[in-house]
Structure formats: C-alpha cells, structure tokens
C-alpha cells in the first residue's frame, strides 16, 4: 500500500473522529435519510447536520440523491458501516475484556 493510500485512510479516521458524524453514519447505515430525519433522530440542529454531511460527502463516505426539492443521504458503501459498527461494539464490551492484555 502506498503512502497516498495510508494518508487517504488516515483522513477517513480523522473524519470519523467526531461523535456527531459517527451518529449520522450509524443512522444512515440503517436506512437512507433526509436532513430533517437526521435532525429529529439525533437531536442536532439542522445547520450542524448539514455541516457534518458536507464533511462526510467531501470524504466520500456518503452520497445523496435528489428527489425534487428533497435530498436523501445514504452511505456510499458498507465498509464505513462496518468500521463504525465495530467501533461501537468495541466500546460496548465489558471493560475487563480490554484489560486482559496489559503488555501493550
């Protein structure tokens, strides 16, 4: 893997380093949604959701489809859903499962 690919992957993790963006991605992993749906489900302001969606689009993690005046957002592919899902499963594990190997 070239450094360019490593840098691109690091940029994805940088984008994923925001709890609100993770929540948006987790929501979109279940089904496509409009901005208003995300606002309602996540209790975030419309400007905040729109800004996070711009960042996620720029990172090529979400796509959108326009239906008249309505825009529907969805994950670009399931790879990101797996990363987010695995991270959430990891933090949900019992704390002692993480401390079993203290040599790290």
C-alpha atoms as a PDB file:
ATOM      1  CA  UNK A   1       0.000   0.000   0.000  1.00  0.00           C
ATOM      2  CA  UNK A   2       1.476   3.338  -0.985  1.00  0.00           C
ATOM      3  CA  UNK A   3       1.716   6.241   1.431  1.00  0.00           C
ATOM      4  CA  UNK A   4      -1.006   8.014  -0.541  1.00  0.00           C
ATOM      5  CA  UNK A   5      -3.444   5.240   0.378  1.00  0.00           C
ATOM      6  CA  UNK A   6      -2.298   5.371   4.013  1.00  0.00           C
ATOM      7  CA  UNK A   7      -2.878   9.115   4.034  1.00  0.00           C
ATOM      8  CA  UNK A   8      -6.316   8.668   2.489  1.00  0.00           C
ATOM      9  CA  UNK A   9      -7.216   6.069   5.121  1.00  0.00           C
ATOM     10  CA  UNK A  10      -5.909   8.369   7.879  1.00  0.00           C
ATOM     11  CA  UNK A  11      -8.152  11.148   6.543  1.00  0.00           C
ATOM     12  CA  UNK A  12     -11.163   8.836   6.883  1.00  0.00           C
ATOM     13  CA  UNK A  13     -10.276   8.183  10.511  1.00  0.00           C
ATOM     14  CA  UNK A  14      -9.867  11.919  11.046  1.00  0.00           C
ATOM     15  CA  UNK A  15     -13.389  12.486   9.702  1.00  0.00           C
ATOM     16  CA  UNK A  16     -14.680   9.625  11.861  1.00  0.00           C
ATOM     17  CA  UNK A  17     -13.147  11.285  14.935  1.00  0.00           C
ATOM     18  CA  UNK A  18     -16.340  13.228  15.633  1.00  0.00           C
ATOM     19  CA  UNK A  19     -19.192  11.732  17.678  1.00  0.00           C
ATOM     20  CA  UNK A  20     -21.900  13.525  15.693  1.00  0.00           C
ATOM     21  CA  UNK A  21     -20.545  12.276  12.379  1.00  0.00           C
ATOM     22  CA  UNK A  22     -20.388   8.745  13.802  1.00  0.00           C
ATOM     23  CA  UNK A  23     -24.020   9.064  14.885  1.00  0.00           C
ATOM     24  CA  UNK A  24     -25.010  10.238  11.405  1.00  0.00           C
ATOM     25  CA  UNK A  25     -23.141   7.352   9.787  1.00  0.00           C
ATOM     26  CA  UNK A  26     -24.679   4.822  12.168  1.00  0.00           C
ATOM     27  CA  UNK A  27     -28.144   6.197  11.392  1.00  0.00           C
ATOM     28  CA  UNK A  28     -27.514   6.075   7.642  1.00  0.00           C
ATOM     29  CA  UNK A  29     -26.217   2.507   7.982  1.00  0.00           C
ATOM     30  CA  UNK A  30     -29.762   1.513   8.915  1.00  0.00           C
ATOM     31  CA  UNK A  31     -31.512   3.435   6.135  1.00  0.00           C
ATOM     32  CA  UNK A  32     -31.142   6.474   3.893  1.00  0.00           C
ATOM     33  CA  UNK A  33     -32.455   9.704   5.419  1.00  0.00           C
ATOM     34  CA  UNK A  34     -33.241  13.344   4.766  1.00  0.00           C
ATOM     35  CA  UNK A  35     -31.529  16.100   6.741  1.00  0.00           C
ATOM     36  CA  UNK A  36     -34.773  16.651   8.675  1.00  0.00           C
ATOM     37  CA  UNK A  37     -34.891  12.955   9.607  1.00  0.00           C
ATOM     38  CA  UNK A  38     -31.344  13.148  10.955  1.00  0.00           C
ATOM     39  CA  UNK A  39     -32.152  16.336  12.879  1.00  0.00           C
ATOM     40  CA  UNK A  40     -35.138  14.614  14.510  1.00  0.00           C
ATOM     41  CA  UNK A  41     -33.405  11.310  15.232  1.00  0.00           C
ATOM     42  CA  UNK A  42     -30.162  12.770  16.570  1.00  0.00           C
ATOM     43  CA  UNK A  43     -31.480  15.932  18.255  1.00  0.00           C
ATOM     44  CA  UNK A  44     -28.942  18.079  16.423  1.00  0.00           C
ATOM     45  CA  UNK A  45     -29.566  21.404  14.751  1.00  0.00           C
ATOM     46  CA  UNK A  46     -30.190  21.494  11.017  1.00  0.00           C
ATOM     47  CA  UNK A  47     -27.067  23.620  10.368  1.00  0.00           C
ATOM     48  CA  UNK A  48     -24.928  21.164  12.363  1.00  0.00           C
ATOM     49  CA  UNK A  49     -26.284  18.140  10.485  1.00  0.00           C
ATOM     50  CA  UNK A  50     -25.788  19.896   7.143  1.00  0.00           C
ATOM     51  CA  UNK A  51     -22.196  20.815   8.025  1.00  0.00           C
ATOM     52  CA  UNK A  52     -21.383  17.257   9.110  1.00  0.00           C
ATOM     53  CA  UNK A  53     -22.936  15.898   5.915  1.00  0.00           C
ATOM     54  CA  UNK A  54     -20.723  18.255   3.866  1.00  0.00           C
ATOM     55  CA  UNK A  55     -17.655  16.861   5.622  1.00  0.00           C
ATOM     56  CA  UNK A  56     -18.844  13.275   5.094  1.00  0.00           C
ATOM     57  CA  UNK A  57     -19.561  13.959   1.418  1.00  0.00           C
ATOM     58  CA  UNK A  58     -16.134  15.552   0.932  1.00  0.00           C
ATOM     59  CA  UNK A  59     -14.560  12.437   2.453  1.00  0.00           C
ATOM     60  CA  UNK A  60     -16.656  10.331   0.045  1.00  0.00           C
ATOM     61  CA  UNK A  61     -18.358   8.485   2.889  1.00  0.00           C
ATOM     62  CA  UNK A  62     -21.927   9.468   1.986  1.00  0.00           C
ATOM     63  CA  UNK A  63     -23.797  10.049  -1.255  1.00  0.00           C
ATOM     64  CA  UNK A  64     -27.043  11.841  -1.879  1.00  0.00           C
ATOM     65  CA  UNK A  65     -29.878  11.620  -4.319  1.00  0.00           C
ATOM     66  CA  UNK A  66     -32.183  14.497  -5.154  1.00  0.00           C
ATOM     67  CA  UNK A  67     -35.923  13.891  -5.456  1.00  0.00           C
ATOM     68  CA  UNK A  68     -37.389  17.229  -6.441  1.00  0.00           C
ATOM     69  CA  UNK A  69     -36.609  19.562  -3.535  1.00  0.00           C
ATOM     70  CA  UNK A  70     -35.812  16.658  -1.214  1.00  0.00           C
ATOM     71  CA  UNK A  71     -32.299  15.276  -0.764  1.00  0.00           C
ATOM     72  CA  UNK A  72     -31.830  11.746   0.543  1.00  0.00           C
ATOM     73  CA  UNK A  73     -28.451  10.835   2.064  1.00  0.00           C
ATOM     74  CA  UNK A  74     -27.043   7.321   2.277  1.00  0.00           C
ATOM     75  CA  UNK A  75     -23.725   5.622   2.910  1.00  0.00           C
ATOM     76  CA  UNK A  76     -21.536   5.364  -0.142  1.00  0.00           C
ATOM     77  CA  UNK A  77     -20.779   1.737   0.706  1.00  0.00           C
ATOM     78  CA  UNK A  78     -20.949  -0.689   3.610  1.00  0.00           C
ATOM     79  CA  UNK A  79     -17.238  -0.521   4.515  1.00  0.00           C
ATOM     80  CA  UNK A  80     -17.821   2.551   6.655  1.00  0.00           C
ATOM     81  CA  UNK A  81     -20.840   0.933   8.317  1.00  0.00           C
ATOM     82  CA  UNK A  82     -18.584  -1.940   9.361  1.00  0.00           C
ATOM     83  CA  UNK A  83     -15.906   0.388  10.760  1.00  0.00           C
ATOM     84  CA  UNK A  84     -18.446   2.384  12.768  1.00  0.00           C
ATOM     85  CA  UNK A  85     -20.314  -0.750  13.891  1.00  0.00           C
ATOM     86  CA  UNK A  86     -17.105  -2.459  15.002  1.00  0.00           C
ATOM     87  CA  UNK A  87     -16.006   0.624  16.954  1.00  0.00           C
ATOM     88  CA  UNK A  88     -19.366   0.778  18.723  1.00  0.00           C
ATOM     89  CA  UNK A  89     -19.233  -2.944  19.525  1.00  0.00           C
ATOM     90  CA  UNK A  90     -15.695  -2.492  20.841  1.00  0.00           C
ATOM     91  CA  UNK A  91     -16.687   0.237  23.315  1.00  0.00           C
ATOM     92  CA  UNK A  92     -19.767  -1.732  24.396  1.00  0.00           C
ATOM     93  CA  UNK A  93     -17.671  -4.713  25.505  1.00  0.00           C
ATOM     94  CA  UNK A  94     -17.069  -5.345  29.170  1.00  0.00           C
ATOM     95  CA  UNK A  95     -14.120  -3.271  30.438  1.00  0.00           C
ATOM     96  CA  UNK A  96     -12.234  -6.325  31.674  1.00  0.00           C
ATOM     97  CA  UNK A  97     -12.145  -7.713  28.134  1.00  0.00           C
ATOM     98  CA  UNK A  98      -9.882  -4.783  27.136  1.00  0.00           C
ATOM     99  CA  UNK A  99      -7.570  -5.021  30.125  1.00  0.00           C
ATOM    100  CA  UNK A 100      -6.809  -8.745  29.707  1.00  0.00           C
ATOM    101  CA  UNK A 101      -3.581  -7.909  27.860  1.00  0.00           C
ATOM    102  CA  UNK A 102      -1.760  -5.141  29.729  1.00  0.00           C
ATOM    103  CA  UNK A 103       1.561  -5.574  27.894  1.00  0.00           C
ATOM    104  CA  UNK A 104       0.558  -3.069  25.184  1.00  0.00           C
END
